[in-house]
Amino acid sequence: MEIPRPDFLQLAEEAFAELPQSIRELLYNVEIDVKALPGREAGRFCGSRGVLGLYHGLTREQMLSPLSGSYLPPRIILYQRNIEALCFDQADILRQIRLTLRHEIAHHLGISDRQLRAKWPEGA
């Protein structure tokens, strides 16, 4: 199911607002962006229809290091068309945005895909 970009952005904002305040506070200086499909920023996954989101940057722990000052701020990207392709209605899109956003936030917190699959299979 495809929806207009402004509607998708609204759902992404809603999903972010639903996160506990303690988690939102850990995302200081983390950009959250929406793109239609993975581009060059996705490296070997450029153009992939299976990638729903991407975390690019240092983990939170690495950001706290005195050596992290020369790096760009971390970025979470949600891929709208790939998320929509899995969904049947707007409620389903919101659910998938929630899962994808939480998955990428876990990467920001230093949790690997392997750890996610072991501890949170529905969101990995």
PDB file of N, CA and C in Angstrom:
ATOM      1  N   MET A   1       0.841  -1.178   0.000  1.00  0.00           N
ATOM      2  CA  MET A   1       0.000   0.000   0.000  1.00  0.00           C
ATOM      3  C   MET A   1       0.887   1.242   0.000  1.00  0.00           C
ATOM      4  N   GLU A   2       0.661   2.140  -0.921  1.00  0.00           N
ATOM      5  CA  GLU A   2       1.423   3.383  -0.973  1.00  0.00           C
ATOM      6  C   GLU A   2       0.589   4.523  -0.403  1.00  0.00           C
ATOM      7  N   ILE A   3       1.265   5.411   0.328  1.00  0.00           N
ATOM      8  CA  ILE A   3       0.607   6.603   0.868  1.00  0.00           C
ATOM      9  C   ILE A   3       1.454   7.814   0.494  1.00  0.00           C
ATOM     10  N   PRO A   4       0.867   9.007   0.493  1.00  0.00           N
ATOM     11  CA  PRO A   4       1.648  10.206   0.182  1.00  0.00           C
ATOM     12  C   PRO A   4       2.767  10.424   1.207  1.00  0.00           C
ATOM     13  N   ARG A   5       3.855  10.992   0.739  1.00  0.00           N
ATOM     14  CA  ARG A   5       5.010  11.236   1.619  1.00  0.00           C
ATOM     15  C   ARG A   5       4.633  12.006   2.888  1.00  0.00           C
ATOM     16  N   PRO A   6       3.831  13.072   2.814  1.00  0.00           N
ATOM     17  CA  PRO A   6       3.479  13.774   4.053  1.00  0.00           C
ATOM     18  C   PRO A   6       2.774  12.869   5.076  1.00  0.00           C
ATOM     19  N   ASP A   7       1.948  11.942   4.594  1.00  0.00           N
ATOM     20  CA  ASP A   7       1.274  11.005   5.499  1.00  0.00           C
ATOM     21  C   ASP A   7       2.286  10.052   6.134  1.00  0.00           C
ATOM     22  N   PHE A   8       3.259   9.600   5.344  1.00  0.00           N
ATOM     23  CA  PHE A   8       4.293   8.710   5.869  1.00  0.00           C
ATOM     24  C   PHE A   8       5.120   9.444   6.925  1.00  0.00           C
ATOM     25  N   LEU A   9       5.480  10.689   6.633  1.00  0.00           N
ATOM     26  CA  LEU A   9       6.250  11.481   7.601  1.00  0.00           C
ATOM     27  C   LEU A   9       5.471  11.666   8.904  1.00  0.00           C
ATOM     28  N   GLN A  10       4.173  11.882   8.792  1.00  0.00           N
ATOM     29  CA  GLN A  10       3.333  12.023   9.983  1.00  0.00           C
ATOM     30  C   GLN A  10       3.341  10.731  10.802  1.00  0.00           C
ATOM     31  N   LEU A  11       3.249   9.593  10.137  1.00  0.00           N
ATOM     32  CA  LEU A  11       3.289   8.305  10.838  1.00  0.00           C
ATOM     33  C   LEU A  11       4.649   8.099  11.510  1.00  0.00           C
ATOM     34  N   ALA A  12       5.730   8.504  10.845  1.00  0.00           N
ATOM     35  CA  ALA A  12       7.061   8.385  11.433  1.00  0.00           C
ATOM     36  C   ALA A  12       7.181   9.268  12.678  1.00  0.00           C
ATOM     37  N   GLU A  13       6.638  10.468  12.616  1.00  0.00           N
ATOM     38  CA  GLU A  13       6.647  11.361  13.784  1.00  0.00           C
ATOM     39  C   GLU A  13       5.824  10.764  14.919  1.00  0.00           C
ATOM     40  N   GLU A  14       4.706  10.163  14.584  1.00  0.00           N
ATOM     41  CA  GLU A  14       3.848   9.520  15.577  1.00  0.00           C
ATOM     42  C   GLU A  14       4.591   8.353  16.250  1.00  0.00           C
ATOM     43  N   ALA A  15       5.261   7.544  15.451  1.00  0.00           N
ATOM     44  CA  ALA A  15       6.018   6.408  15.996  1.00  0.00           C
ATOM     45  C   ALA A  15       7.137   6.897  16.912  1.00  0.00           C
ATOM     46  N   PHE A  16       7.807   7.970  16.516  1.00  0.00           N
ATOM     47  CA  PHE A  16       8.874   8.527  17.350  1.00  0.00           C
ATOM     48  C   PHE A  16       8.309   9.061  18.660  1.00  0.00           C
ATOM     49  N   ALA A  17       7.191   9.767  18.598  1.00  0.00           N
ATOM     50  CA  ALA A  17       6.575  10.347  19.797  1.00  0.00           C
ATOM     51  C   ALA A  17       6.119   9.273  20.782  1.00  0.00           C
ATOM     52  N   GLU A  18       5.823   8.073  20.281  1.00  0.00           N
ATOM     53  CA  GLU A  18       5.383   6.971  21.136  1.00  0.00           C
ATOM     54  C   GLU A  18       6.528   6.334  21.915  1.00  0.00           C
ATOM     55  N   LEU A  19       7.763   6.598  21.502  1.00  0.00           N
ATOM     56  CA  LEU A  19       8.905   6.028  22.219  1.00  0.00           C
ATOM     57  C   LEU A  19       8.956   6.597  23.637  1.00  0.00           C
ATOM     58  N   PRO A  20       9.404   5.812  24.593  1.00  0.00           N
ATOM     59  CA  PRO A  20       9.558   6.351  25.945  1.00  0.00           C
ATOM     60  C   PRO A  20      10.503   7.557  25.948  1.00  0.00           C
ATOM     61  N   GLN A  21      10.213   8.507  26.790  1.00  0.00           N
ATOM     62  CA  GLN A  21      11.029   9.724  26.895  1.00  0.00           C
ATOM     63  C   GLN A  21      12.499   9.372  27.133  1.00  0.00           C
ATOM     64  N   SER A  22      12.752   8.356  27.941  1.00  0.00           N
ATOM     65  CA  SER A  22      14.136   7.971  28.248  1.00  0.00           C
ATOM     66  C   SER A  22      14.890   7.533  26.985  1.00  0.00           C
ATOM     67  N   ILE A  23      14.200   6.910  26.036  1.00  0.00           N
ATOM     68  CA  ILE A  23      14.832   6.510  24.769  1.00  0.00           C
ATOM     69  C   ILE A  23      15.019   7.723  23.873  1.00  0.00           C
ATOM     70  N   ARG A  24      14.003   8.569  23.780  1.00  0.00           N
ATOM     71  CA  ARG A  24      14.122   9.774  22.927  1.00  0.00           C
ATOM     72  C   ARG A  24      15.289  10.635  23.374  1.00  0.00           C
ATOM     73  N   GLU A  25      15.532  10.713  24.679  1.00  0.00           N
ATOM     74  CA  GLU A  25      16.643  11.517  25.189  1.00  0.00           C
ATOM     75  C   GLU A  25      17.996  10.960  24.772  1.00  0.00           C
ATOM     76  N   LEU A  26      18.087   9.652  24.544  1.00  0.00           N
ATOM     77  CA  LEU A  26      19.343   9.039  24.106  1.00  0.00           C
ATOM     78  C   LEU A  26      19.648   9.352  22.648  1.00  0.00           C
ATOM     79  N   LEU A  27      18.688   9.889  21.926  1.00  0.00           N
ATOM     80  CA  LEU A  27      18.846  10.164  20.497  1.00  0.00           C
ATOM     81  C   LEU A  27      19.271  11.600  20.224  1.00  0.00           C
ATOM     82  N   TYR A  28      19.880  12.241  21.201  1.00  0.00           N
ATOM     83  CA  TYR A  28      20.379  13.596  21.028  1.00  0.00           C
ATOM     84  C   TYR A  28      21.320  13.641  19.823  1.00  0.00           C
ATOM     85  N   ASN A  29      21.068  14.554  18.923  1.00  0.00           N
ATOM     86  CA  ASN A  29      21.909  14.783  17.749  1.00  0.00           C
ATOM     87  C   ASN A  29      21.886  13.617  16.750  1.00  0.00           C
ATOM     88  N   VAL A  30      20.800  12.855  16.725  1.00  0.00           N
ATOM     89  CA  VAL A  30      20.619  11.783  15.733  1.00  0.00           C
ATOM     90  C   VAL A  30      19.556  12.250  14.751  1.00  0.00           C
ATOM     91  N   GLU A  31      19.923  12.311  13.481  1.00  0.00           N
ATOM     92  CA  GLU A  31      18.988  12.724  12.440  1.00  0.00           C
ATOM     93  C   GLU A  31      18.118  11.531  12.046  1.00  0.00           C
ATOM     94  N   ILE A  32      16.823  11.763  11.902  1.00  0.00           N
ATOM     95  CA  ILE A  32      15.917  10.732  11.398  1.00  0.00           C
ATOM     96  C   ILE A  32      15.350  11.249  10.086  1.00  0.00           C
ATOM     97  N   ASP A  33      15.535  10.468   9.038  1.00  0.00           N
ATOM     98  CA  ASP A  33      15.185  10.901   7.691  1.00  0.00           C
ATOM     99  C   ASP A  33      14.356   9.815   7.006  1.00  0.00           C
ATOM    100  N   VAL A  34      13.634  10.203   5.967  1.00  0.00           N
ATOM    101  CA  VAL A  34      12.859   9.260   5.158  1.00  0.00           C
ATOM    102  C   VAL A  34      13.294   9.430   3.701  1.00  0.00           C
ATOM    103  N   LYS A  35      13.596   8.318   3.067  1.00  0.00           N
ATOM    104  CA  LYS A  35      13.903   8.304   1.639  1.00  0.00           C
ATOM    105  C   LYS A  35      12.978   7.291   0.992  1.00  0.00           C
ATOM    106  N   ALA A  36      12.748   7.446  -0.297  1.00  0.00           N
ATOM    107  CA  ALA A  36      11.879   6.509  -1.007  1.00  0.00           C
ATOM    108  C   ALA A  36      12.495   5.114  -1.019  1.00  0.00           C
ATOM    109  N   LEU A  37      13.741   5.008  -1.463  1.00  0.00           N
ATOM    110  CA  LEU A  37      14.440   3.723  -1.601  1.00  0.00           C
ATOM    111  C   LEU A  37      15.899   3.891  -1.200  1.00  0.00           C
ATOM    112  N   PRO A  38      16.575   2.795  -0.862  1.00  0.00           N
ATOM    113  CA  PRO A  38      17.998   2.907  -0.520  1.00  0.00           C
ATOM    114  C   PRO A  38      18.813   3.431  -1.701  1.00  0.00           C
ATOM    115  N   GLY A  39      19.647   4.415  -1.416  1.00  0.00           N
ATOM    116  CA  GLY A  39      20.541   4.983  -2.422  1.00  0.00           C
ATOM    117  C   GLY A  39      21.988   4.647  -2.104  1.00  0.00           C
ATOM    118  N   ARG A  40      22.889   5.489  -2.528  1.00  0.00           N
ATOM    119  CA  ARG A  40      24.321   5.240  -2.333  1.00  0.00           C
ATOM    120  C   ARG A  40      24.691   5.124  -0.861  1.00  0.00           C
ATOM    121  N   GLU A  41      23.935   5.793   0.006  1.00  0.00           N
ATOM    122  CA  GLU A  41      24.224   5.733   1.439  1.00  0.00           C
ATOM    123  C   GLU A  41      24.091   4.319   1.994  1.00  0.00           C
ATOM    124  N   ALA A  42      23.369   3.452   1.280  1.00  0.00           N
ATOM    125  CA  ALA A  42      23.128   2.083   1.735  1.00  0.00           C
ATOM    126  C   ALA A  42      24.222   1.120   1.277  1.00  0.00           C
ATOM    127  N   GLY A  43      25.245   1.632   0.594  1.00  0.00           N
ATOM    128  CA  GLY A  43      26.359   0.793   0.168  1.00  0.00           C
ATOM    129  C   GLY A  43      25.898  -0.362  -0.705  1.00  0.00           C
ATOM    130  N   ARG A  44      26.267  -1.576  -0.324  1.00  0.00           N
ATOM    131  CA  ARG A  44      25.932  -2.747  -1.138  1.00  0.00           C
ATOM    132  C   ARG A  44      24.436  -3.012  -1.201  1.00  0.00           C
ATOM    133  N   PHE A  45      23.661  -2.338  -0.359  1.00  0.00           N
ATOM    134  CA  PHE A  45      22.207  -2.506  -0.367  1.00  0.00           C
ATOM    135  C   PHE A  45      21.509  -1.444  -1.216  1.00  0.00           C
ATOM    136  N   CYS A  46      22.278  -0.654  -1.961  1.00  0.00           N
ATOM    137  CA  CYS A  46      21.713   0.380  -2.824  1.00  0.00           C
ATOM    138  C   CYS A  46      20.678  -0.246  -3.754  1.00  0.00           C
ATOM    139  N   GLY A  47      19.480   0.295  -3.749  1.00  0.00           N
ATOM    140  CA  GLY A  47      18.411  -0.189  -4.602  1.00  0.00           C
ATOM    141  C   GLY A  47      17.693  -1.424  -4.087  1.00  0.00           C
ATOM    142  N   SER A  48      18.147  -1.957  -2.966  1.00  0.00           N
ATOM    143  CA  SER A  48      17.532  -3.170  -2.421  1.00  0.00           C
ATOM    144  C   SER A  48      16.088  -2.917  -2.010  1.00  0.00           C
ATOM    145  N   ARG A  49      15.221  -3.869  -2.304  1.00  0.00           N
ATOM    146  CA  ARG A  49      13.809  -3.764  -1.905  1.00  0.00           C
ATOM    147  C   ARG A  49      13.584  -4.383  -0.519  1.00  0.00           C
ATOM    148  N   GLY A  50      14.618  -5.011   0.046  1.00  0.00           N
ATOM    149  CA  GLY A  50      14.457  -5.674   1.329  1.00  0.00           C
ATOM    150  C   GLY A  50      14.914  -4.866   2.528  1.00  0.00           C
ATOM    151  N   VAL A  51      15.567  -3.736   2.298  1.00  0.00           N
ATOM    152  CA  VAL A  51      16.077  -2.917   3.393  1.00  0.00           C
ATOM    153  C   VAL A  51      15.002  -1.904   3.785  1.00  0.00           C
ATOM    154  N   LEU A  52      14.572  -1.958   5.040  1.00  0.00           N
ATOM    155  CA  LEU A  52      13.509  -1.067   5.516  1.00  0.00           C
ATOM    156  C   LEU A  52      14.053   0.182   6.180  1.00  0.00           C
ATOM    157  N   GLY A  53      15.254   0.074   6.730  1.00  0.00           N
ATOM    158  CA  GLY A  53      15.865   1.203   7.408  1.00  0.00           C
ATOM    159  C   GLY A  53      17.365   1.017   7.469  1.00  0.00           C
ATOM    160  N   LEU A  54      18.049   2.081   7.868  1.00  0.00           N
ATOM    161  CA  LEU A  54      19.505   2.060   7.939  1.00  0.00           C
ATOM    162  C   LEU A  54      19.953   2.956   9.076  1.00  0.00           C
ATOM    163  N   TYR A  55      20.927   2.478   9.832  1.00  0.00           N
ATOM    164  CA  TYR A  55      21.587   3.334  10.824  1.00  0.00           C
ATOM    165  C   TYR A  55      22.986   3.583  10.311  1.00  0.00           C
ATOM    166  N   HIS A  56      23.359   4.838  10.230  1.00  0.00           N
ATOM    167  CA  HIS A  56      24.672   5.206   9.731  1.00  0.00           C
ATOM    168  C   HIS A  56      25.315   6.140  10.745  1.00  0.00           C
ATOM    169  N   GLY A  57      26.439   5.716  11.296  1.00  0.00           N
ATOM    170  CA  GLY A  57      27.148   6.576  12.228  1.00  0.00           C
ATOM    171  C   GLY A  57      27.695   5.801  13.413  1.00  0.00           C
ATOM    172  N   LEU A  58      28.218   6.567  14.347  1.00  0.00           N
ATOM    173  CA  LEU A  58      28.764   5.988  15.556  1.00  0.00           C
ATOM    174  C   LEU A  58      27.655   5.518  16.479  1.00  0.00           C
ATOM    175  N   THR A  59      27.965   4.526  17.308  1.00  0.00           N
ATOM    176  CA  THR A  59      27.019   4.143  18.348  1.00  0.00           C
ATOM    177  C   THR A  59      27.022   5.232  19.413  1.00  0.00           C
ATOM    178  N   ARG A  60      26.044   5.191  20.283  1.00  0.00           N
ATOM    179  CA  ARG A  60      25.981   6.182  21.359  1.00  0.00           C
ATOM    180  C   ARG A  60      27.246   6.140  22.215  1.00  0.00           C
ATOM    181  N   GLU A  61      27.714   4.944  22.523  1.00  0.00           N
ATOM    182  CA  GLU A  61      28.928   4.814  23.340  1.00  0.00           C
ATOM    183  C   GLU A  61      30.129   5.451  22.630  1.00  0.00           C
ATOM    184  N   GLN A  62      30.262   5.200  21.335  1.00  0.00           N
ATOM    185  CA  GLN A  62      31.363   5.794  20.571  1.00  0.00           C
ATOM    186  C   GLN A  62      31.244   7.316  20.530  1.00  0.00           C
ATOM    187  N   MET A  63      30.010   7.831  20.459  1.00  0.00           N
ATOM    188  CA  MET A  63      29.796   9.279  20.423  1.00  0.00           C
ATOM    189  C   MET A  63      30.284   9.952  21.702  1.00  0.00           C
ATOM    190  N   LEU A  64      30.246   9.233  22.813  1.00  0.00           N
ATOM    191  CA  LEU A  64      30.649   9.797  24.099  1.00  0.00           C
ATOM    192  C   LEU A  64      32.165   9.836  24.264  1.00  0.00           C
ATOM    193  N   SER A  65      32.887   9.234  23.330  1.00  0.00           N
ATOM    194  CA  SER A  65      34.339   9.218  23.374  1.00  0.00           C
ATOM    195  C   SER A  65      34.885  10.608  23.041  1.00  0.00           C
ATOM    196  N   PRO A  66      35.984  10.999  23.670  1.00  0.00           N
ATOM    197  CA  PRO A  66      36.579  12.303  23.332  1.00  0.00           C
ATOM    198  C   PRO A  66      37.093  12.370  21.895  1.00  0.00           C
ATOM    199  N   LEU A  67      37.238  11.229  21.238  1.00  0.00           N
ATOM    200  CA  LEU A  67      37.744  11.199  19.864  1.00  0.00           C
ATOM    201  C   LEU A  67      36.644  11.301  18.815  1.00  0.00           C
ATOM    202  N   SER A  68      35.398  11.401  19.230  1.00  0.00           N
ATOM    203  CA  SER A  68      34.288  11.360  18.267  1.00  0.00           C
ATOM    204  C   SER A  68      33.953  12.708  17.644  1.00  0.00           C
ATOM    205  N   GLY A  69      34.588  13.756  18.040  1.00  0.00           N
ATOM    206  CA  GLY A  69      34.230  15.092  17.595  1.00  0.00           C
ATOM    207  C   GLY A  69      34.321  15.339  16.109  1.00  0.00           C
ATOM    208  N   SER A  70      35.121  14.568  15.390  1.00  0.00           N
ATOM    209  CA  SER A  70      35.310  14.844  13.971  1.00  0.00           C
ATOM    210  C   SER A  70      34.363  14.053  13.068  1.00  0.00           C
ATOM    211  N   TYR A  71      33.399  13.357  13.625  1.00  0.00           N
ATOM    212  CA  TYR A  71      32.472  12.563  12.837  1.00  0.00           C
ATOM    213  C   TYR A  71      31.148  13.294  12.640  1.00  0.00           C
ATOM    214  N   LEU A  72      30.475  12.996  11.534  1.00  0.00           N
ATOM    215  CA  LEU A  72      29.144  13.539  11.297  1.00  0.00           C
ATOM    216  C   LEU A  72      28.163  12.932  12.297  1.00  0.00           C
ATOM    217  N   PRO A  73      27.089  13.643  12.611  1.00  0.00           N
ATOM    218  CA  PRO A  73      26.086  13.068  13.523  1.00  0.00           C
ATOM    219  C   PRO A  73      25.478  11.801  12.927  1.00  0.00           C
ATOM    220  N   PRO A  74      25.077  10.854  13.771  1.00  0.00           N
ATOM    221  CA  PRO A  74      24.445   9.634  13.284  1.00  0.00           C
ATOM    222  C   PRO A  74      23.129   9.932  12.586  1.00  0.00           C
ATOM    223  N   ARG A  75      22.708   8.977  11.770  1.00  0.00           N
ATOM    224  CA  ARG A  75      21.503   9.173  10.959  1.00  0.00           C
ATOM    225  C   ARG A  75      20.730   7.868  10.866  1.00  0.00           C
ATOM    226  N   ILE A  76      19.435   7.945  11.088  1.00  0.00           N
ATOM    227  CA  ILE A  76      18.523   6.834  10.871  1.00  0.00           C
ATOM    228  C   ILE A  76      17.703   7.172   9.636  1.00  0.00           C
ATOM    229  N   ILE A  77      17.670   6.241   8.690  1.00  0.00           N
ATOM    230  CA  ILE A  77      16.893   6.458   7.468  1.00  0.00           C
ATOM    231  C   ILE A  77      15.821   5.379   7.392  1.00  0.00           C
ATOM    232  N   LEU A  78      14.595   5.805   7.148  1.00  0.00           N
ATOM    233  CA  LEU A  78      13.478   4.890   6.897  1.00  0.00           C
ATOM    234  C   LEU A  78      13.208   4.903   5.396  1.00  0.00           C
ATOM    235  N   TYR A  79      13.060   3.723   4.793  1.00  0.00           N
ATOM    236  CA  TYR A  79      12.828   3.628   3.352  1.00  0.00           C
ATOM    237  C   TYR A  79      11.339   3.385   3.100  1.00  0.00           C
ATOM    238  N   GLN A  80      10.678   4.454   2.695  1.00  0.00           N
ATOM    239  CA  GLN A  80       9.222   4.464   2.578  1.00  0.00           C
ATOM    240  C   GLN A  80       8.678   3.383   1.658  1.00  0.00           C
ATOM    241  N   ARG A  81       9.162   3.294   0.435  1.00  0.00           N
ATOM    242  CA  ARG A  81       8.589   2.343  -0.529  1.00  0.00           C
ATOM    243  C   ARG A  81       8.777   0.894  -0.080  1.00  0.00           C
ATOM    244  N   ASN A  82       9.908   0.591   0.537  1.00  0.00           N
ATOM    245  CA  ASN A  82      10.141  -0.774   1.012  1.00  0.00           C
ATOM    246  C   ASN A  82       9.224  -1.121   2.182  1.00  0.00           C
ATOM    247  N   ILE A  83       8.995  -0.164   3.062  1.00  0.00           N
ATOM    248  CA  ILE A  83       8.073  -0.397   4.179  1.00  0.00           C
ATOM    249  C   ILE A  83       6.655  -0.572   3.647  1.00  0.00           C
ATOM    250  N   GLU A  84       6.258   0.304   2.730  1.00  0.00           N
ATOM    251  CA  GLU A  84       4.906   0.218   2.166  1.00  0.00           C
ATOM    252  C   GLU A  84       4.663  -1.121   1.467  1.00  0.00           C
ATOM    253  N   ALA A  85       5.701  -1.649   0.817  1.00  0.00           N
ATOM    254  CA  ALA A  85       5.548  -2.896   0.061  1.00  0.00           C
ATOM    255  C   ALA A  85       5.167  -4.076   0.959  1.00  0.00           C
ATOM    256  N   LEU A  86       5.447  -3.980   2.243  1.00  0.00           N
ATOM    257  CA  LEU A  86       5.118  -5.055   3.189  1.00  0.00           C
ATOM    258  C   LEU A  86       3.745  -4.896   3.832  1.00  0.00           C
ATOM    259  N   CYS A  87       3.101  -3.765   3.578  1.00  0.00           N
ATOM    260  CA  CYS A  87       1.925  -3.398   4.365  1.00  0.00           C
ATOM    261  C   CYS A  87       0.637  -3.381   3.550  1.00  0.00           C
ATOM    262  N   PHE A  88      -0.470  -3.613   4.268  1.00  0.00           N
ATOM    263  CA  PHE A  88      -1.785  -3.675   3.630  1.00  0.00           C
ATOM    264  C   PHE A  88      -2.641  -2.441   3.878  1.00  0.00           C
ATOM    265  N   ASP A  89      -2.360  -1.733   4.980  1.00  0.00           N
ATOM    266  CA  ASP A  89      -3.127  -0.531   5.289  1.00  0.00           C
ATOM    267  C   ASP A  89      -2.260   0.420   6.118  1.00  0.00           C
ATOM    268  N   GLN A  90      -2.804   1.577   6.425  1.00  0.00           N
ATOM    269  CA  GLN A  90      -2.038   2.606   7.126  1.00  0.00           C
ATOM    270  C   GLN A  90      -1.636   2.159   8.532  1.00  0.00           C
ATOM    271  N   ALA A  91      -2.480   1.409   9.210  1.00  0.00           N
ATOM    272  CA  ALA A  91      -2.148   0.907  10.550  1.00  0.00           C
ATOM    273  C   ALA A  91      -0.956  -0.053  10.466  1.00  0.00           C
ATOM    274  N   ASP A  92      -0.917  -0.847   9.419  1.00  0.00           N
ATOM    275  CA  ASP A  92       0.195  -1.766   9.209  1.00  0.00           C
ATOM    276  C   ASP A  92       1.489  -0.994   8.926  1.00  0.00           C
ATOM    277  N   ILE A  93       1.389   0.094   8.164  1.00  0.00           N
ATOM    278  CA  ILE A  93       2.562   0.938   7.891  1.00  0.00           C
ATOM    279  C   ILE A  93       3.092   1.512   9.200  1.00  0.00           C
ATOM    280  N   LEU A  94       2.205   2.014  10.048  1.00  0.00           N
ATOM    281  CA  LEU A  94       2.631   2.562  11.341  1.00  0.00           C
ATOM    282  C   LEU A  94       3.338   1.488  12.170  1.00  0.00           C
ATOM    283  N   ARG A  95       2.778   0.282  12.198  1.00  0.00           N
ATOM    284  CA  ARG A  95       3.394  -0.812  12.950  1.00  0.00           C
ATOM    285  C   ARG A  95       4.796  -1.103  12.420  1.00  0.00           C
ATOM    286  N   GLN A  96       4.952  -1.132  11.100  1.00  0.00           N
ATOM    287  CA  GLN A  96       6.261  -1.430  10.516  1.00  0.00           C
ATOM    288  C   GLN A  96       7.245  -0.295  10.744  1.00  0.00           C
ATOM    289  N   ILE A  97       6.786   0.940  10.698  1.00  0.00           N
ATOM    290  CA  ILE A  97       7.664   2.073  11.007  1.00  0.00           C
ATOM    291  C   ILE A  97       8.158   1.944  12.443  1.00  0.00           C
ATOM    292  N   ARG A  98       7.248   1.617  13.372  1.00  0.00           N
ATOM    293  CA  ARG A  98       7.648   1.433  14.775  1.00  0.00           C
ATOM    294  C   ARG A  98       8.752   0.398  14.902  1.00  0.00           C
ATOM    295  N   LEU A  99       8.540  -0.768  14.276  1.00  0.00           N
ATOM    296  CA  LEU A  99       9.537  -1.843  14.355  1.00  0.00           C
ATOM    297  C   LEU A  99      10.871  -1.413  13.747  1.00  0.00           C
ATOM    298  N   THR A 100      10.815  -0.791  12.580  1.00  0.00           N
ATOM    299  CA  THR A 100      12.039  -0.388  11.886  1.00  0.00           C
ATOM    300  C   THR A 100      12.770   0.694  12.670  1.00  0.00           C
ATOM    301  N   LEU A 101      12.046   1.665  13.168  1.00  0.00           N
ATOM    302  CA  LEU A 101      12.656   2.735  13.949  1.00  0.00           C
ATOM    303  C   LEU A 101      13.331   2.160  15.194  1.00  0.00           C
ATOM    304  N   ARG A 102      12.659   1.268  15.893  1.00  0.00           N
ATOM    305  CA  ARG A 102      13.244   0.664  17.096  1.00  0.00           C
ATOM    306  C   ARG A 102      14.461  -0.187  16.757  1.00  0.00           C
ATOM    307  N   HIS A 103      14.420  -0.876  15.626  1.00  0.00           N
ATOM    308  CA  HIS A 103      15.568  -1.672  15.179  1.00  0.00           C
ATOM    309  C   HIS A 103      16.789  -0.762  14.963  1.00  0.00           C
ATOM    310  N   GLU A 104      16.581   0.348  14.273  1.00  0.00           N
ATOM    311  CA  GLU A 104      17.695   1.256  13.983  1.00  0.00           C
ATOM    312  C   GLU A 104      18.178   1.964  15.249  1.00  0.00           C
ATOM    313  N   ILE A 105      17.281   2.281  16.157  1.00  0.00           N
ATOM    314  CA  ILE A 105      17.682   2.868  17.442  1.00  0.00           C
ATOM    315  C   ILE A 105      18.542   1.868  18.217  1.00  0.00           C
ATOM    316  N   ALA A 106      18.203   0.591  18.132  1.00  0.00           N
ATOM    317  CA  ALA A 106      19.018  -0.437  18.796  1.00  0.00           C
ATOM    318  C   ALA A 106      20.449  -0.396  18.265  1.00  0.00           C
ATOM    319  N   HIS A 107      20.620  -0.196  16.961  1.00  0.00           N
ATOM    320  CA  HIS A 107      21.969  -0.074  16.405  1.00  0.00           C
ATOM    321  C   HIS A 107      22.678   1.150  16.990  1.00  0.00           C
ATOM    322  N   HIS A 108      21.965   2.240  17.157  1.00  0.00           N
ATOM    323  CA  HIS A 108      22.548   3.430  17.768  1.00  0.00           C
ATOM    324  C   HIS A 108      23.042   3.121  19.183  1.00  0.00           C
ATOM    325  N   LEU A 109      22.330   2.236  19.857  1.00  0.00           N
ATOM    326  CA  LEU A 109      22.702   1.864  21.225  1.00  0.00           C
ATOM    327  C   LEU A 109      23.768   0.765  21.256  1.00  0.00           C
ATOM    328  N   GLY A 110      24.262   0.364  20.076  1.00  0.00           N
ATOM    329  CA  GLY A 110      25.357  -0.593  20.012  1.00  0.00           C
ATOM    330  C   GLY A 110      24.927  -2.043  19.923  1.00  0.00           C
ATOM    331  N   ILE A 111      23.661  -2.304  19.649  1.00  0.00           N
ATOM    332  CA  ILE A 111      23.151  -3.671  19.555  1.00  0.00           C
ATOM    333  C   ILE A 111      23.258  -4.141  18.103  1.00  0.00           C
ATOM    334  N   SER A 112      23.883  -5.277  17.900  1.00  0.00           N
ATOM    335  CA  SER A 112      24.105  -5.801  16.544  1.00  0.00           C
ATOM    336  C   SER A 112      22.860  -6.525  16.027  1.00  0.00           C
ATOM    337  N   ASP A 113      22.848  -6.809  14.728  1.00  0.00           N
ATOM    338  CA  ASP A 113      21.745  -7.580  14.134  1.00  0.00           C
ATOM    339  C   ASP A 113      21.647  -8.964  14.780  1.00  0.00           C
ATOM    340  N   ARG A 114      22.771  -9.580  15.040  1.00  0.00           N
ATOM    341  CA  ARG A 114      22.776 -10.912  15.666  1.00  0.00           C
ATOM    342  C   ARG A 114      22.123 -10.842  17.057  1.00  0.00           C
ATOM    343  N   GLN A 115      22.494  -9.859  17.842  1.00  0.00           N
ATOM    344  CA  GLN A 115      21.896  -9.699  19.170  1.00  0.00           C
ATOM    345  C   GLN A 115      20.403  -9.416  19.064  1.00  0.00           C
ATOM    346  N   LEU A 116      20.010  -8.611  18.077  1.00  0.00           N
ATOM    347  CA  LEU A 116      18.594  -8.312  17.880  1.00  0.00           C
ATOM    348  C   LEU A 116      17.805  -9.570  17.542  1.00  0.00           C
ATOM    349  N   ARG A 117      18.340 -10.386  16.640  1.00  0.00           N
ATOM    350  CA  ARG A 117      17.644 -11.617  16.266  1.00  0.00           C
ATOM    351  C   ARG A 117      17.467 -12.539  17.472  1.00  0.00           C
ATOM    352  N   ALA A 118      18.458 -12.582  18.333  1.00  0.00           N
ATOM    353  CA  ALA A 118      18.397 -13.460  19.502  1.00  0.00           C
ATOM    354  C   ALA A 118      17.407 -12.951  20.567  1.00  0.00           C
ATOM    355  N   LYS A 119      17.375 -11.637  20.760  1.00  0.00           N
ATOM    356  CA  LYS A 119      16.576 -11.089  21.863  1.00  0.00           C
ATOM    357  C   LYS A 119      15.222 -10.537  21.437  1.00  0.00           C
ATOM    358  N   TRP A 120      15.076 -10.205  20.158  1.00  0.00           N
ATOM    359  CA  TRP A 120      13.868  -9.540  19.691  1.00  0.00           C
ATOM    360  C   TRP A 120      13.559  -9.985  18.274  1.00  0.00           C
ATOM    361  N   PRO A 121      13.219 -11.271  18.083  1.00  0.00           N
ATOM    362  CA  PRO A 121      13.060 -11.814  16.725  1.00  0.00           C
ATOM    363  C   PRO A 121      12.015 -11.105  15.873  1.00  0.00           C
ATOM    364  N   GLU A 122      10.936 -10.602  16.477  1.00  0.00           N
ATOM    365  CA  GLU A 122       9.897  -9.936  15.685  1.00  0.00           C
ATOM    366  C   GLU A 122      10.356  -8.590  15.150  1.00  0.00           C
ATOM    367  N   GLY A 123      11.415  -8.016  15.718  1.00  0.00           N
ATOM    368  CA  GLY A 123      11.887  -6.717  15.264  1.00  0.00           C
ATOM    369  C   GLY A 123      13.218  -6.758  14.557  1.00  0.00           C
ATOM    370  N   ALA A 124      13.765  -7.944  14.354  1.00  0.00           N
ATOM    371  CA  ALA A 124      15.107  -8.038  13.774  1.00  0.00           C
ATOM    372  C   ALA A 124      15.110  -8.147  12.286  1.00  0.00           C
TER     373      ALA A 124
END
